[in-house]
Amino acid sequence: MMRLALAILLALAGCAVAAEGDGDRVTRKVGILAYRGDEAAIARWQPTFDAVETAVPGADFTVVPLSLDGVRSALARGEIDYLFTNPGHLYRMVEQARLFPMVSLRSDREDVPQTGNRFGAVIFVRSDNEEIRTLADLKGRRLAAIAPDAFGGFEVAAATLVRNEINPWRDLDSIVFLGFPHDGVIEAVVDGAVDAGTVRTGLLEAAVNAGKVEAYQLRILNPLRVPGFEPALSTELMPEWILASTASVPETERRAIAIALLRLDGDHPAVEAGGYGGWTTVPSDVTVRTLLQTVDAAKPGEDTPMVALSGFLAAAAGGVPIVVAMLIYWRGRHASPAQTDPAQAPGAKVRLTPREHEILQLVGAGKTTKEIARDLGISPKTVEFHRGHLMRKYEAANMAELVRKAGGALAA
């Protein structure tokens, strides 16, 4: 009887959608938060939506990779019909757009580390960094993350810090937001551009498997062991990603797509191409909402002084400027002695890391970003980050002012 009922439901859904789909073909756009880059998002998810197109006769489904800001803009302009993202991001977006959660991802399959269809975040440092052994040691240090509203790329880790009595907005020296993909955060830690970094679980292992980093180069802070979860972990776990539709999608189509996705078995070619296990019903959002409340409660209030240095630092990549970093730097309510001491005026007794000193010397010698990157064996993106950090330390508006204010360090 259950099978007969399901068959009748599928037939009714198909008929209803077919009726709506008569005439010209339409294109349904599936917005996907592309945390590993645009090409990776298309390669992983387009086969899945190709596989369920038959559930909606007359419609073609196209994957649209988006950034965090891109999702917000696309929803506001009505440019996407579906959104596939993590639950934290989804529930933030629900406050701004009318979205209908449909199905949730099953990430577990036999050939990948088991997660119980959950994810979290890892907080990590270079393995040779003996000054940071615990989360408490992050106070006064620089942390790299994806973006202020990146759920797996910042907020999950931020909640863990808050629960360990470390307010990232007040207790860290700075938070450096590098944007997607997550590889930039890993690279910044390995290169010594920052003291620590955080990315969603599974990405460190993926970087090691891809040969982008050696496992021995990194050490996990606050390592946790959770039954049924195999990747490295520093935080609590959240439910997997959710596919939702916008209000523009007819209910009959929404139902047909949900059923089609739930019917995809683990050995379906599209599922195998995506490297996941299938789909299931949407889980409770209690843990997600609780975590977001923890993060929001810890953020600086309107009366808290905030110094923000944000910029789009250009690095030549095939002649095309790219966004390198956005650095947001919060200070506490009261100035520290270092801020009020005249001896600590801009340019006086500025403390530099060995890498910053190397780059400052090469900047003073008139070398370009590409030349510095080649001389030091690091990426142009990392050089630009260090240059931006040097400009902040010396409160310089441009390279000429930086060289002038850093005269003592250049002579050293």
Protein backbone atom coordinates (compact mmCIF):
# COMPACT_ATOMS: atom_id res chain seq x y z
CA MET A 1 0.00 0.00 0.00
CA MET A 2 2.85 2.43 0.86
CA ARG A 3 4.48 1.83 -2.55
CA LEU A 4 1.15 2.33 -4.32
CA ALA A 5 0.56 5.59 -2.44
CA LEU A 6 4.04 6.86 -3.35
CA ALA A 7 3.48 5.95 -7.01
CA ILE A 8 0.16 7.84 -7.04
CA LEU A 9 1.82 10.88 -5.39
CA LEU A 10 4.62 10.89 -7.95
CA ALA A 11 2.13 10.62 -10.81
CA LEU A 12 0.03 13.49 -9.47
CA ALA A 13 3.09 15.68 -8.91
CA GLY A 14 4.39 14.92 -12.38
CA CYS A 15 1.06 15.70 -14.00
CA ALA A 16 0.69 18.97 -12.12
CA VAL A 17 4.18 20.14 -12.98
CA ALA A 18 3.75 19.05 -16.60
CA ALA A 19 0.64 21.19 -16.84
CA GLU A 20 2.56 24.20 -15.52
CA GLY A 21 5.50 23.44 -17.81
CA ASP A 22 3.56 23.39 -21.09
CA GLY A 23 4.85 25.81 -23.68
CA ASP A 24 8.31 27.30 -23.79
CA ARG A 25 11.05 25.76 -21.68
CA VAL A 26 12.10 27.69 -18.59
CA THR A 27 15.46 27.81 -16.82
CA ARG A 28 15.52 27.22 -13.08
CA LYS A 29 18.61 28.66 -11.40
CA VAL A 30 20.01 26.87 -8.36
CA GLY A 31 22.18 29.22 -6.31
CA ILE A 32 24.96 27.35 -4.51
CA LEU A 33 27.30 28.82 -1.91
CA ALA A 34 30.62 28.11 -3.66
CA TYR A 35 32.96 27.77 -0.68
CA ARG A 36 35.48 25.78 -2.75
CA GLY A 37 35.27 27.97 -5.84
CA ASP A 38 32.94 28.30 -8.82
CA GLU A 39 34.35 25.48 -10.95
CA ALA A 40 34.26 23.01 -8.06
CA ALA A 41 30.63 23.89 -7.30
CA ILE A 42 29.50 23.38 -10.90
CA ALA A 43 31.43 20.13 -11.32
CA ARG A 44 30.04 18.70 -8.11
CA TRP A 45 26.38 19.73 -8.28
CA GLN A 46 25.31 20.21 -11.91
CA PRO A 47 25.06 16.42 -12.49
CA THR A 48 22.62 16.16 -9.58
CA PHE A 49 20.25 18.77 -10.95
CA ASP A 50 20.57 17.36 -14.45
CA ALA A 51 19.42 14.05 -12.97
CA VAL A 52 16.20 15.47 -11.50
CA GLU A 53 15.19 17.66 -14.47
CA THR A 54 12.76 14.97 -15.64
CA ALA A 55 10.69 15.64 -12.51
CA VAL A 56 9.84 19.06 -13.95
CA PRO A 57 9.00 18.72 -17.66
CA GLY A 58 9.78 21.88 -19.59
CA ALA A 59 12.44 23.13 -17.18
CA ASP A 60 16.23 23.20 -17.35
CA PHE A 61 18.20 23.43 -14.12
CA THR A 62 21.42 25.47 -14.01
CA VAL A 63 23.82 25.66 -11.08
CA VAL A 64 24.87 29.23 -10.22
CA PRO A 65 27.94 29.45 -7.92
CA LEU A 66 27.66 32.37 -5.50
CA SER A 67 29.62 34.10 -2.77
CA LEU A 68 28.01 35.09 0.53
CA ASP A 69 27.26 38.58 -0.78
CA GLY A 70 26.25 37.08 -4.11
CA VAL A 71 23.54 34.99 -2.45
CA ARG A 72 22.12 38.04 -0.72
CA SER A 73 22.07 40.02 -3.94
CA ALA A 74 20.64 37.18 -6.04
CA LEU A 75 17.78 36.65 -3.60
CA ALA A 76 17.00 40.35 -3.39
CA ARG A 77 16.85 40.62 -7.18
CA GLY A 78 14.93 37.39 -7.71
CA GLU A 79 17.76 35.94 -9.80
CA ILE A 80 17.65 32.40 -8.35
CA ASP A 81 14.84 29.93 -7.84
CA TYR A 82 16.56 27.58 -5.38
CA LEU A 83 19.31 27.99 -2.79
CA PHE A 84 21.66 25.25 -1.58
CA THR A 85 23.72 26.31 1.42
CA ASN A 86 24.66 25.51 5.01
CA PRO A 87 21.92 25.75 7.66
CA GLY A 88 23.41 28.79 9.41
CA HIS A 89 23.53 30.79 6.20
CA LEU A 90 20.08 29.58 5.22
CA TYR A 91 18.47 30.66 8.48
CA ARG A 92 20.15 34.06 8.22
CA MET A 93 18.70 34.40 4.72
CA VAL A 94 15.23 33.30 5.85
CA GLU A 95 15.10 36.54 7.83
CA GLN A 96 15.52 38.51 4.60
CA ALA A 97 13.85 36.32 1.97
CA ARG A 98 10.92 33.92 1.93
CA LEU A 99 12.55 30.48 1.62
CA PHE A 100 11.12 26.96 1.88
CA PRO A 101 13.55 24.27 3.18
CA MET A 102 13.05 21.07 1.16
CA VAL A 103 15.70 18.38 1.72
CA SER A 104 19.03 17.99 3.50
CA LEU A 105 22.29 16.51 2.23
CA ARG A 106 23.56 13.11 3.35
CA SER A 107 27.34 13.46 3.17
CA ASP A 108 28.30 9.96 4.33
CA ARG A 109 29.39 7.34 1.80
CA GLU A 110 31.72 4.36 2.02
CA ASP A 111 34.76 5.94 0.37
CA VAL A 112 35.00 9.10 2.52
CA PRO A 113 35.58 9.78 6.25
CA GLN A 114 32.31 9.34 8.11
CA THR A 115 30.59 12.41 9.56
CA GLY A 116 27.10 11.26 10.51
CA ASN A 117 25.88 13.89 8.00
CA ARG A 118 27.28 16.70 10.15
CA PHE A 119 30.05 19.28 9.90
CA GLY A 120 31.90 21.67 12.16
CA ALA A 121 35.07 23.73 12.02
CA VAL A 122 38.76 23.30 12.73
CA ILE A 123 40.97 25.95 14.34
CA PHE A 124 44.61 25.40 13.51
CA VAL A 125 48.13 26.84 13.66
CA ARG A 126 51.48 25.97 12.13
CA SER A 127 52.91 22.93 13.89
CA ASP A 128 56.11 24.83 14.73
CA ASN A 129 54.20 27.61 16.52
CA GLU A 130 55.08 26.84 20.14
CA GLU A 131 53.48 30.04 21.47
CA ILE A 132 49.94 28.85 20.70
CA ARG A 133 49.06 25.52 22.27
CA THR A 134 45.48 26.14 23.46
CA LEU A 135 42.52 28.31 22.49
CA ALA A 136 43.40 30.68 25.34
CA ASP A 137 46.74 31.37 23.64
CA LEU A 138 44.89 32.96 20.72
CA LYS A 139 44.32 36.13 22.73
CA GLY A 140 46.22 38.96 21.13
CA ARG A 141 46.84 36.92 17.95
CA ARG A 142 45.76 37.18 14.32
CA LEU A 143 43.09 34.75 13.08
CA ALA A 144 42.24 34.14 9.42
CA ALA A 145 38.68 33.21 8.46
CA ILE A 146 36.37 33.47 5.45
CA ALA A 147 33.92 36.26 6.25
CA PRO A 148 32.04 37.70 9.26
CA ASP A 149 28.87 35.87 8.20
CA ALA A 150 30.52 32.65 6.97
CA PHE A 151 28.90 29.90 9.05
CA GLY A 152 31.44 27.06 8.69
CA GLY A 153 34.20 29.53 7.81
CA PHE A 154 33.91 31.68 10.96
CA GLU A 155 30.73 31.62 13.04
CA VAL A 156 31.00 28.00 14.22
CA ALA A 157 34.56 28.63 15.42
CA ALA A 158 33.59 32.00 16.91
CA ALA A 159 30.92 30.31 19.05
CA THR A 160 33.49 27.81 20.36
CA LEU A 161 35.86 30.66 21.24
CA VAL A 162 33.08 32.53 23.05
CA ARG A 163 32.17 29.42 25.05
CA ASN A 164 35.83 29.16 26.06
CA GLU A 165 35.74 32.75 27.35
CA ILE A 166 37.49 34.25 24.32
CA ASN A 167 35.58 36.99 22.56
CA PRO A 168 37.05 37.09 19.04
CA TRP A 169 35.94 40.70 18.52
CA ARG A 170 37.69 41.93 21.66
CA ASP A 171 40.39 39.45 22.63
CA LEU A 172 42.13 38.78 19.31
CA ASP A 173 44.62 41.20 17.76
CA SER A 174 42.74 41.01 14.48
CA ILE A 175 40.43 38.86 12.37
CA VAL A 176 41.49 38.63 8.74
CA PHE A 177 38.66 37.73 6.36
CA LEU A 178 40.07 36.28 3.14
CA GLY A 179 36.88 35.17 1.34
CA PHE A 180 36.34 32.00 -0.69
CA PRO A 181 37.84 29.54 -1.35
CA HIS A 182 38.98 28.23 2.04
CA ASP A 183 42.42 27.35 0.65
CA GLY A 184 43.47 30.97 1.16
CA VAL A 185 43.08 30.63 4.93
CA ILE A 186 45.22 27.48 4.99
CA GLU A 187 47.87 29.19 2.84
CA ALA A 188 47.93 32.25 5.12
CA VAL A 189 48.68 30.07 8.17
CA VAL A 190 51.34 28.00 6.40
CA ASP A 191 53.05 31.15 5.07
CA GLY A 192 53.03 32.78 8.51
CA ALA A 193 50.81 35.66 7.39
CA VAL A 194 48.55 34.98 10.38
CA ASP A 195 48.92 33.11 13.65
CA ALA A 196 45.90 30.82 13.26
CA GLY A 197 43.08 30.00 10.91
CA THR A 198 39.68 28.35 10.83
CA VAL A 199 37.89 26.46 8.04
CA ARG A 200 35.01 24.01 7.94
CA THR A 201 35.77 20.38 8.72
CA GLY A 202 37.11 18.15 5.95
CA LEU A 203 38.92 20.90 4.07
CA LEU A 204 42.28 20.38 5.76
CA GLU A 205 42.18 16.73 4.75
CA ALA A 206 41.15 17.73 1.22
CA ALA A 207 44.09 20.15 1.00
CA VAL A 208 46.49 17.42 2.15
CA ASN A 209 45.06 14.92 -0.36
CA ALA A 210 45.40 17.51 -3.14
CA GLY A 211 49.06 18.11 -2.25
CA LYS A 212 48.43 21.76 -1.31
CA VAL A 213 49.81 21.30 2.21
CA GLU A 214 51.60 18.60 4.19
CA ALA A 215 49.81 17.22 7.24
CA TYR A 216 52.88 17.76 9.45
CA GLN A 217 52.79 21.53 8.78
CA LEU A 218 49.61 22.12 10.79
CA ARG A 219 48.39 21.42 14.33
CA ILE A 220 44.74 21.40 15.46
CA LEU A 221 43.71 23.48 18.48
CA ASN A 222 41.06 22.09 20.84
CA PRO A 223 41.00 18.68 19.09
CA LEU A 224 37.75 16.82 19.75
CA ARG A 225 36.69 13.21 19.27
CA VAL A 226 33.01 12.62 18.52
CA PRO A 227 31.68 9.09 17.87
CA GLY A 228 30.77 8.66 14.20
CA PHE A 229 32.72 11.74 13.11
CA GLU A 230 36.15 11.05 11.61
CA PRO A 231 37.64 14.34 10.24
CA ALA A 232 39.67 16.69 12.45
CA LEU A 233 37.38 18.81 14.64
CA SER A 234 37.66 21.75 17.07
CA THR A 235 34.00 22.71 17.57
CA GLU A 236 30.50 21.36 18.03
CA LEU A 237 28.76 19.77 15.05
CA MET A 238 25.98 21.18 12.90
CA PRO A 239 23.54 19.44 10.51
CA GLU A 240 24.48 19.27 6.83
CA TRP A 241 23.50 21.60 4.00
CA ILE A 242 19.89 22.24 3.00
CA LEU A 243 18.22 22.85 -0.37
CA ALA A 244 15.46 25.45 -0.21
CA SER A 245 13.22 27.05 -2.80
CA THR A 246 12.15 30.66 -3.13
CA ALA A 247 8.52 31.75 -3.08
CA SER A 248 8.55 31.97 -6.88
CA VAL A 249 8.70 28.16 -7.22
CA PRO A 250 5.25 26.51 -7.44
CA GLU A 251 4.50 24.11 -4.60
CA THR A 252 3.96 21.27 -7.08
CA GLU A 253 7.43 21.76 -8.53
CA ARG A 254 8.98 22.00 -5.08
CA ARG A 255 7.36 18.73 -4.08
CA ALA A 256 8.39 16.98 -7.30
CA ILE A 257 12.06 18.01 -6.94
CA ALA A 258 12.16 16.99 -3.28
CA ILE A 259 10.79 13.55 -4.13
CA ALA A 260 13.21 13.15 -7.04
CA LEU A 261 16.19 14.00 -4.84
CA LEU A 262 15.07 11.65 -2.06
CA ARG A 263 14.89 8.84 -4.61
CA LEU A 264 18.56 9.23 -5.67
CA ASP A 265 20.46 6.21 -4.33
CA GLY A 266 24.08 6.31 -3.21
CA ASP A 267 25.22 4.48 -6.35
CA HIS A 268 23.48 6.89 -8.75
CA PRO A 269 26.08 8.39 -11.16
CA ALA A 270 25.14 11.94 -10.15
CA VAL A 271 25.55 11.13 -6.46
CA GLU A 272 28.90 9.48 -7.11
CA ALA A 273 30.02 12.47 -9.18
CA GLY A 274 29.12 14.74 -6.29
CA GLY A 275 30.92 12.60 -3.74
CA TYR A 276 28.01 12.51 -1.29
CA GLY A 277 25.56 9.90 -0.01
CA GLY A 278 22.13 11.12 -1.05
CA TRP A 279 19.36 13.22 0.48
CA THR A 280 17.13 13.10 3.54
CA THR A 281 14.50 15.16 5.33
CA VAL A 282 15.37 18.52 6.89
CA PRO A 283 16.67 18.17 10.49
CA SER A 284 15.82 20.35 13.48
CA ASP A 285 17.33 23.82 13.45
CA VAL A 286 17.63 24.15 17.25
CA THR A 287 21.43 23.71 17.43
CA VAL A 288 21.97 26.10 14.55
CA ARG A 289 19.81 28.86 15.98
CA THR A 290 21.37 28.45 19.43
CA LEU A 291 24.85 28.82 17.95
CA LEU A 292 23.88 31.94 15.99
CA GLN A 293 22.40 33.46 19.14
CA THR A 294 25.70 32.81 20.96
CA VAL A 295 27.65 34.55 18.19
CA ASP A 296 25.28 37.51 17.94
CA ALA A 297 25.30 38.07 21.71
CA ALA A 298 29.10 38.33 21.71
CA LYS A 299 29.37 40.85 18.88
CA PRO A 300 30.30 44.45 19.79
CA GLY A 301 27.38 46.72 20.56
CA GLU A 302 26.73 50.00 18.86
CA ASP A 303 28.52 51.90 21.65
CA THR A 304 31.69 49.83 21.34
CA PRO A 305 34.51 51.68 19.56
CA MET A 306 35.46 49.90 16.38
CA VAL A 307 38.40 50.57 14.13
CA ALA A 308 37.93 48.99 10.73
CA LEU A 309 40.52 48.74 8.02
CA SER A 310 38.92 47.12 5.03
CA GLY A 311 40.29 47.18 1.58
CA PHE A 312 40.52 45.49 -1.73
CA LEU A 313 44.25 44.99 -2.09
CA ALA A 314 45.08 44.39 -5.73
CA ALA A 315 47.40 41.62 -6.87
CA ALA A 316 48.14 41.12 -10.53
CA ALA A 317 46.90 37.71 -11.58
CA GLY A 318 47.17 37.51 -15.31
CA GLY A 319 46.62 41.26 -15.38
CA VAL A 320 43.31 41.02 -13.51
CA PRO A 321 43.08 42.63 -10.05
CA ILE A 322 41.78 40.23 -7.38
CA VAL A 323 40.42 40.77 -3.91
CA VAL A 324 43.12 39.72 -1.52
CA ALA A 325 41.88 40.43 1.96
CA MET A 326 39.42 42.33 4.06
CA LEU A 327 40.71 42.97 7.55
CA ILE A 328 38.36 43.98 10.32
CA TYR A 329 39.95 44.98 13.58
CA TRP A 330 37.93 45.53 16.75
CA ARG A 331 39.36 47.16 19.86
CA GLY A 332 37.88 47.16 23.35
CA ARG A 333 36.18 50.10 25.01
CA HIS A 334 39.33 51.47 26.63
CA ALA A 335 42.67 52.19 24.97
CA SER A 336 45.62 50.13 26.13
CA PRO A 337 48.83 51.77 27.37
CA ALA A 338 50.39 51.04 23.97
CA GLN A 339 47.66 53.12 22.33
CA THR A 340 48.10 56.13 24.62
CA ASP A 341 51.86 56.07 25.11
CA PRO A 342 53.53 58.76 22.93
CA ALA A 343 56.44 56.39 22.41
CA GLN A 344 54.05 54.18 20.46
CA ALA A 345 53.21 56.81 17.87
CA PRO A 346 52.94 55.56 14.26
CA GLY A 347 56.29 54.22 13.17
CA ALA A 348 57.83 54.17 16.65
CA LYS A 349 58.91 50.77 17.96
CA VAL A 350 56.63 48.91 15.57
CA ARG A 351 56.97 45.16 16.11
CA LEU A 352 57.37 43.14 12.92
CA THR A 353 57.36 39.43 12.28
CA PRO A 354 60.40 38.03 10.44
CA ARG A 355 58.32 37.70 7.25
CA GLU A 356 57.04 41.27 7.53
CA HIS A 357 60.60 42.53 7.97
CA GLU A 358 61.70 40.63 4.84
CA ILE A 359 58.87 42.05 2.77
CA LEU A 360 59.40 45.56 4.13
CA GLN A 361 63.07 45.43 3.05
CA LEU A 362 62.08 44.34 -0.45
CA VAL A 363 59.36 47.00 -0.67
CA GLY A 364 61.97 49.57 0.31
CA ALA A 365 64.20 48.26 -2.47
CA GLY A 366 61.44 49.09 -4.94
CA LYS A 367 60.48 45.52 -5.83
CA THR A 368 57.02 44.66 -7.13
CA THR A 369 54.61 42.17 -5.61
CA LYS A 370 55.50 39.53 -8.19
CA GLU A 371 59.22 40.06 -7.66
CA ILE A 372 58.87 39.78 -3.88
CA ALA A 373 56.77 36.62 -4.23
CA ARG A 374 59.39 35.07 -6.51
CA ASP A 375 62.30 36.04 -4.22
CA LEU A 376 60.64 34.65 -1.08
CA GLY A 377 58.94 31.65 -2.67
CA ILE A 378 55.43 32.66 -1.59
CA SER A 379 52.29 33.67 -3.46
CA PRO A 380 51.54 37.26 -4.61
CA LYS A 381 48.36 37.04 -2.54
CA THR A 382 50.41 36.46 0.61
CA VAL A 383 52.76 39.34 -0.25
CA GLU A 384 49.79 41.69 -0.67
CA PHE A 385 48.39 40.59 2.66
CA HIS A 386 51.68 41.37 4.41
CA ARG A 387 51.91 44.74 2.67
CA GLY A 388 48.41 45.59 3.87
CA HIS A 389 49.29 44.56 7.41
CA LEU A 390 52.49 46.68 7.29
CA MET A 391 50.45 49.68 6.15
CA ARG A 392 48.10 49.18 9.10
CA LYS A 393 50.96 48.91 11.58
CA TYR A 394 52.60 52.08 10.29
CA GLU A 395 49.26 53.82 9.64
CA ALA A 396 50.38 54.50 6.07
CA ALA A 397 47.99 55.44 3.27
CA ASN A 398 50.28 54.25 0.47
CA MET A 399 53.61 52.58 -0.23
CA ALA A 400 55.55 55.85 -0.32
CA GLU A 401 54.28 56.80 3.12
CA LEU A 402 55.05 53.30 4.41
CA VAL A 403 58.67 53.52 3.26
CA ARG A 404 59.03 56.97 4.84
CA LYS A 405 57.55 55.95 8.20
CA ALA A 406 59.49 52.68 8.28
CA GLY A 407 62.83 54.34 7.67
CA GLY A 408 64.36 52.96 10.87
CA ALA A 409 63.30 49.39 10.15
CA LEU A 410 64.56 49.64 6.56
CA ALA A 411 67.95 50.75 7.80
CA ALA A 412 68.15 47.89 10.30
